[in-house]
């Protein structure tokens, strides 16, 4: 009897270890480009628990995160469990160039937008599914939400659905006047220190007002263009003041998107989620 119980225990324990190992992503680093144009990037590839899928999620992490965020953030892990419970089990690709990065097209920069869309993601997709995917979704949180909005507004056909979660989008930029910034802080209740940090970073990334206008989601969204399904959510008490611009972006694109979805998280701070709402959007055909 003891021997039989021990055998059952070993089988169950082995299966548990196997399932945990199976769920672990394959991660790595690679230098993209040549010479002075080169840049080290990091990635993780998440395999479906059932072995294969025709769907892909690409995830852009937030400031201070990494390519591991999709696989370690408790909220995102809970979302994945909810997805699997409904039979949604896609491949996942995450990319990173360090704790802080933007998909820019600024002259004399790393040109991360082109590198990521034209080199990095296609190569990673080829690694896991050479024949391609039937459905591709882009998810970005905070800084990653800003980056995802850039893809949405400049390369919308790259994905069938876009999910911008607490996107780092503001109604003021590094070239607004001091009074305009103060009015923004008063109007939104944003933390002045956090706003100052964003404006300082923005000036580093976008050396001229033209550079900023070429990347600002609110400026880009003012052009009429057809868009696929888009989900935007943000906490109404976001301490960076992102709520105002997130709602503004939705208002600009709602008539241009085949299906647009705005979810305000009442009294939510940065970065608040509504997991069931995100799941409903992903599930919707």
Protein backbone atom coordinates (compact mmCIF):
# COMPACT_ATOMS: atom_id res chain seq x y z
CA UNK A 1 0.00 0.00 0.00
CA UNK A 2 2.78 2.40 0.99
CA UNK A 3 4.67 1.53 -2.18
CA UNK A 4 1.58 2.22 -4.33
CA UNK A 5 0.97 5.55 -2.63
CA UNK A 6 4.62 6.50 -3.11
CA UNK A 7 4.39 5.63 -6.81
CA UNK A 8 1.27 7.78 -7.23
CA UNK A 9 2.99 10.64 -5.43
CA UNK A 10 6.03 10.41 -7.71
CA UNK A 11 3.83 10.45 -10.83
CA UNK A 12 1.82 13.46 -9.62
CA UNK A 13 4.97 15.33 -8.55
CA UNK A 14 6.68 14.60 -11.87
CA UNK A 15 3.66 15.85 -13.80
CA UNK A 16 3.62 19.01 -11.70
CA UNK A 17 7.28 19.68 -12.41
CA UNK A 18 6.71 19.03 -16.10
CA UNK A 19 3.78 21.43 -16.29
CA UNK A 20 5.76 24.12 -14.48
CA UNK A 21 8.75 23.66 -16.75
CA UNK A 22 6.48 23.68 -19.80
CA UNK A 23 5.01 27.02 -18.73
CA UNK A 24 8.39 28.72 -18.38
CA UNK A 25 9.23 31.14 -21.22
CA UNK A 26 12.33 30.83 -23.36
CA UNK A 27 14.29 34.06 -22.92
CA UNK A 28 17.42 35.45 -24.48
CA UNK A 29 19.34 38.48 -25.70
CA UNK A 30 20.51 39.44 -29.13
CA UNK A 31 22.32 42.32 -30.79
CA UNK A 32 20.16 43.84 -33.51
CA UNK A 33 21.79 45.83 -36.30
CA UNK A 34 25.46 46.32 -37.24
CA UNK A 35 28.24 48.52 -35.90
CA UNK A 36 27.18 51.87 -34.44
CA UNK A 37 23.61 51.08 -35.48
CA UNK A 38 23.55 47.97 -33.27
CA UNK A 39 21.48 47.64 -30.13
CA UNK A 40 21.14 44.86 -27.60
CA UNK A 41 17.60 43.67 -27.13
CA UNK A 42 16.03 41.15 -24.77
CA UNK A 43 13.08 38.87 -25.39
CA UNK A 44 10.97 36.06 -24.01
CA UNK A 45 8.87 33.55 -25.92
CA UNK A 46 5.91 32.02 -24.12
CA UNK A 47 4.60 28.73 -25.44
CA UNK A 48 0.91 27.77 -25.15
CA UNK A 49 0.20 25.09 -22.57
CA UNK A 50 -1.48 23.00 -25.27
CA UNK A 51 1.64 23.15 -27.44
CA UNK A 52 0.53 25.39 -30.29
CA UNK A 53 -1.87 28.17 -31.22
CA UNK A 54 -2.80 30.34 -34.19
CA UNK A 55 -2.90 33.42 -31.93
CA UNK A 56 -0.08 35.65 -30.72
CA UNK A 57 0.15 38.31 -28.02
CA UNK A 58 3.04 40.77 -28.16
CA UNK A 59 3.55 42.56 -24.86
CA UNK A 60 5.39 45.85 -24.21
CA UNK A 61 6.29 46.36 -20.53
CA UNK A 62 6.10 49.47 -18.37
CA UNK A 63 8.85 51.74 -17.09
CA UNK A 64 11.19 49.87 -14.78
CA UNK A 65 10.00 46.49 -16.07
CA UNK A 66 11.62 43.97 -18.34
CA UNK A 67 10.87 41.27 -20.86
CA UNK A 68 9.88 39.07 -17.88
CA UNK A 69 6.98 41.30 -16.78
CA UNK A 70 4.26 39.34 -18.60
CA UNK A 71 5.43 36.17 -16.85
CA UNK A 72 5.94 37.60 -13.34
CA UNK A 73 3.41 40.41 -12.75
CA UNK A 74 0.65 39.01 -10.48
CA UNK A 75 -2.12 40.85 -12.32
CA UNK A 76 -0.94 39.65 -15.72
CA UNK A 77 -0.55 36.09 -14.43
CA UNK A 78 -4.13 36.21 -13.18
CA UNK A 79 -5.24 37.49 -16.59
CA UNK A 80 -3.48 34.55 -18.27
CA UNK A 81 -5.21 32.09 -15.95
CA UNK A 82 -8.57 33.66 -16.80
CA UNK A 83 -7.73 33.45 -20.50
CA UNK A 84 -6.84 29.76 -20.32
CA UNK A 85 -10.04 29.06 -18.40
CA UNK A 86 -11.91 30.35 -21.45
CA UNK A 87 -9.78 28.38 -23.89
CA UNK A 88 -7.54 31.30 -24.89
CA UNK A 89 -3.95 30.11 -24.90
CA UNK A 90 -1.83 32.17 -27.35
CA UNK A 91 1.87 32.31 -28.02
CA UNK A 92 3.51 35.31 -26.36
CA UNK A 93 6.43 37.47 -27.41
CA UNK A 94 7.85 40.12 -25.09
CA UNK A 95 10.68 42.49 -26.00
CA UNK A 96 12.75 44.98 -24.04
CA UNK A 97 15.71 47.30 -24.51
CA UNK A 98 16.14 48.01 -20.82
CA UNK A 99 13.98 49.50 -18.03
CA UNK A 100 13.07 52.60 -20.04
CA UNK A 101 12.65 52.86 -23.83
CA UNK A 102 10.34 54.39 -26.41
CA UNK A 103 9.61 53.36 -29.99
CA UNK A 104 11.08 56.51 -31.49
CA UNK A 105 11.83 57.66 -35.03
CA UNK A 106 13.94 60.64 -34.04
CA UNK A 107 16.89 61.45 -36.37
CA UNK A 108 20.27 60.22 -35.05
CA UNK A 109 18.54 57.90 -32.59
CA UNK A 110 18.35 54.09 -32.35
CA UNK A 111 15.23 54.13 -34.54
CA UNK A 112 13.53 51.63 -32.25
CA UNK A 113 10.23 51.84 -34.08
CA UNK A 114 11.62 50.51 -37.35
CA UNK A 115 14.00 48.04 -35.71
CA UNK A 116 11.26 46.52 -33.58
CA UNK A 117 8.54 46.35 -36.23
CA UNK A 118 10.73 45.41 -39.20
CA UNK A 119 13.51 43.30 -37.67
CA UNK A 120 12.99 42.16 -34.09
CA UNK A 121 9.36 41.00 -34.07
CA UNK A 122 9.43 39.33 -37.51
CA UNK A 123 12.52 37.34 -36.55
CA UNK A 124 11.01 36.22 -33.25
CA UNK A 125 7.75 35.25 -34.94
CA UNK A 126 9.70 33.16 -37.44
CA UNK A 127 11.40 31.34 -34.58
CA UNK A 128 8.13 30.08 -33.14
CA UNK A 129 5.77 29.87 -36.12
CA UNK A 130 7.25 30.23 -39.63
CA UNK A 131 3.82 30.04 -41.25
CA UNK A 132 2.54 33.02 -39.31
CA UNK A 133 -0.49 33.65 -37.09
CA UNK A 134 -4.16 34.10 -37.85
CA UNK A 135 -4.63 36.55 -34.96
CA UNK A 136 -2.08 38.96 -33.52
CA UNK A 137 -2.75 41.21 -30.53
CA UNK A 138 -0.55 43.98 -29.10
CA UNK A 139 -0.76 44.72 -25.38
CA UNK A 140 1.11 47.56 -23.70
CA UNK A 141 1.05 48.82 -20.12
CA UNK A 142 2.06 52.35 -19.08
CA UNK A 143 5.26 53.11 -21.05
CA UNK A 144 4.40 50.04 -23.11
CA UNK A 145 0.96 51.54 -23.70
CA UNK A 146 2.58 54.63 -25.21
CA UNK A 147 4.68 52.38 -27.43
CA UNK A 148 1.64 50.33 -28.43
CA UNK A 149 -0.25 53.53 -29.32
CA UNK A 150 2.60 54.47 -31.65
CA UNK A 151 2.23 51.16 -33.52
CA UNK A 152 -1.55 51.59 -33.60
CA UNK A 153 -1.35 55.07 -35.13
CA UNK A 154 1.55 54.48 -37.52
CA UNK A 155 1.33 50.77 -38.43
CA UNK A 156 -2.23 49.81 -37.53
CA UNK A 157 -2.37 46.78 -39.83
CA UNK A 158 0.41 45.04 -37.88
CA UNK A 159 -2.12 43.67 -35.34
CA UNK A 160 -5.82 42.82 -35.27
CA UNK A 161 -6.37 44.15 -31.73
CA UNK A 162 -4.62 46.72 -29.57
CA UNK A 163 -4.87 46.94 -25.79
CA UNK A 164 -3.53 50.12 -24.16
CA UNK A 165 -3.56 49.66 -20.40
CA UNK A 166 -2.90 52.84 -18.37
CA UNK A 167 -0.98 54.21 -21.37
CA UNK A 168 1.69 56.83 -20.63
CA UNK A 169 -0.06 59.50 -22.69
CA UNK A 170 -0.26 63.10 -21.47
CA UNK A 171 -2.12 66.22 -22.55
CA UNK A 172 1.05 68.28 -22.09
CA UNK A 173 4.52 67.72 -23.47
CA UNK A 174 8.03 69.06 -23.01
CA UNK A 175 7.27 72.10 -25.19
CA UNK A 176 4.18 73.36 -23.40
CA UNK A 177 4.52 76.55 -21.37
CA UNK A 178 5.04 76.49 -17.62
CA UNK A 179 1.54 77.84 -17.11
CA UNK A 180 0.04 75.13 -19.33
CA UNK A 181 1.84 72.50 -17.27
CA UNK A 182 0.62 74.04 -14.00
CA UNK A 183 -2.93 74.14 -15.37
CA UNK A 184 -2.60 70.46 -16.32
CA UNK A 185 -1.45 69.52 -12.82
CA UNK A 186 -4.29 71.49 -11.23
CA UNK A 187 -6.89 70.08 -13.62
CA UNK A 188 -5.87 66.42 -13.37
CA UNK A 189 -4.56 66.24 -9.81
CA UNK A 190 -1.31 64.77 -11.11
CA UNK A 191 1.74 64.54 -8.88
CA UNK A 192 4.01 67.51 -9.81
CA UNK A 193 7.21 65.50 -9.33
CA UNK A 194 5.97 62.73 -11.62
CA UNK A 195 4.93 65.25 -14.26
CA UNK A 196 8.34 66.94 -14.04
CA UNK A 197 10.04 63.56 -14.53
CA UNK A 198 7.95 62.81 -17.62
CA UNK A 199 8.62 66.22 -19.16
CA UNK A 200 12.35 65.91 -18.54
CA UNK A 201 12.45 62.44 -20.09
CA UNK A 202 10.34 63.67 -22.98
CA UNK A 203 12.77 66.46 -23.76
CA UNK A 204 15.65 63.97 -23.82
CA UNK A 205 13.80 61.63 -26.18
CA UNK A 206 12.33 64.36 -28.40
CA UNK A 207 14.90 67.15 -28.86
CA UNK A 208 12.58 69.41 -30.88
CA UNK A 209 8.89 70.24 -30.85
CA UNK A 210 8.57 68.67 -34.29
CA UNK A 211 10.02 65.43 -32.90
CA UNK A 212 7.43 65.52 -30.11
CA UNK A 213 4.55 66.22 -32.49
CA UNK A 214 5.67 63.33 -34.71
CA UNK A 215 5.30 60.97 -31.73
CA UNK A 216 2.49 62.42 -29.62
CA UNK A 217 -0.49 60.01 -29.77
CA UNK A 218 -2.96 62.90 -29.52
CA UNK A 219 -1.36 64.63 -32.51
CA UNK A 220 -1.09 61.41 -34.53
CA UNK A 221 -4.70 60.44 -33.77
CA UNK A 222 -6.00 63.75 -35.12
CA UNK A 223 -5.38 62.43 -38.65
CA UNK A 224 -8.28 60.43 -40.14
CA UNK A 225 -7.27 56.80 -40.66
CA UNK A 226 -9.06 53.45 -40.32
CA UNK A 227 -8.12 51.52 -37.20
CA UNK A 228 -8.74 47.96 -35.96
CA UNK A 229 -10.21 47.04 -32.56
CA UNK A 230 -8.76 49.16 -29.75
CA UNK A 231 -9.07 48.87 -25.97
CA UNK A 232 -8.02 51.75 -23.70
CA UNK A 233 -8.28 51.84 -19.92
CA UNK A 234 -6.92 54.11 -17.22
CA UNK A 235 -7.45 54.88 -13.55
CA UNK A 236 -9.34 58.10 -12.91
CA UNK A 237 -6.86 58.97 -10.15
CA UNK A 238 -3.74 58.17 -12.16
CA UNK A 239 -1.03 60.22 -10.45
CA UNK A 240 0.73 61.00 -13.75
CA UNK A 241 -2.42 62.60 -15.16
CA UNK A 242 -2.72 59.95 -17.88
CA UNK A 243 -6.49 59.64 -17.52
CA UNK A 244 -7.28 62.88 -19.35
CA UNK A 245 -5.19 62.07 -22.43
CA UNK A 246 -6.26 58.41 -22.48
CA UNK A 247 -9.90 59.51 -22.68
CA UNK A 248 -8.89 62.15 -25.24
CA UNK A 249 -7.21 59.51 -27.40
CA UNK A 250 -10.30 57.33 -27.25
CA UNK A 251 -12.51 60.26 -28.30
CA UNK A 252 -10.26 60.88 -31.29
CA UNK A 253 -10.18 57.29 -32.54
CA UNK A 254 -13.62 55.93 -31.63
CA UNK A 255 -15.15 56.90 -34.98
CA UNK A 256 -12.15 55.47 -36.86
CA UNK A 257 -11.93 52.10 -35.11
CA UNK A 258 -13.98 49.08 -36.12
CA UNK A 259 -14.48 48.43 -32.43
CA UNK A 260 -13.21 50.82 -29.77
CA UNK A 261 -13.52 50.21 -26.04
CA UNK A 262 -12.97 52.75 -23.26
CA UNK A 263 -12.82 51.56 -19.65
CA UNK A 264 -12.31 54.18 -16.94
CA UNK A 265 -11.21 52.61 -13.65
CA UNK A 266 -13.02 54.75 -11.09
CA UNK A 267 -10.65 55.97 -8.35
CA UNK A 268 -7.95 53.72 -9.84
CA UNK A 269 -4.33 54.72 -9.42
CA UNK A 270 -1.51 54.03 -11.84
CA UNK A 271 -1.61 51.31 -13.16
CA UNK A 272 -5.10 49.93 -12.40
CA UNK A 273 -6.55 46.94 -14.30
CA UNK A 274 -10.00 45.56 -14.95
CA UNK A 275 -9.02 41.99 -15.79
CA UNK A 276 -12.51 40.76 -16.66
CA UNK A 277 -13.00 43.70 -18.98
CA UNK A 278 -9.71 43.00 -20.77
CA UNK A 279 -10.67 39.35 -21.04
CA UNK A 280 -14.04 40.27 -22.57
CA UNK A 281 -12.32 42.44 -25.16
CA UNK A 282 -9.82 39.72 -26.09
CA UNK A 283 -12.60 37.14 -26.35
CA UNK A 284 -14.87 39.29 -28.51
CA UNK A 285 -14.89 38.18 -32.17
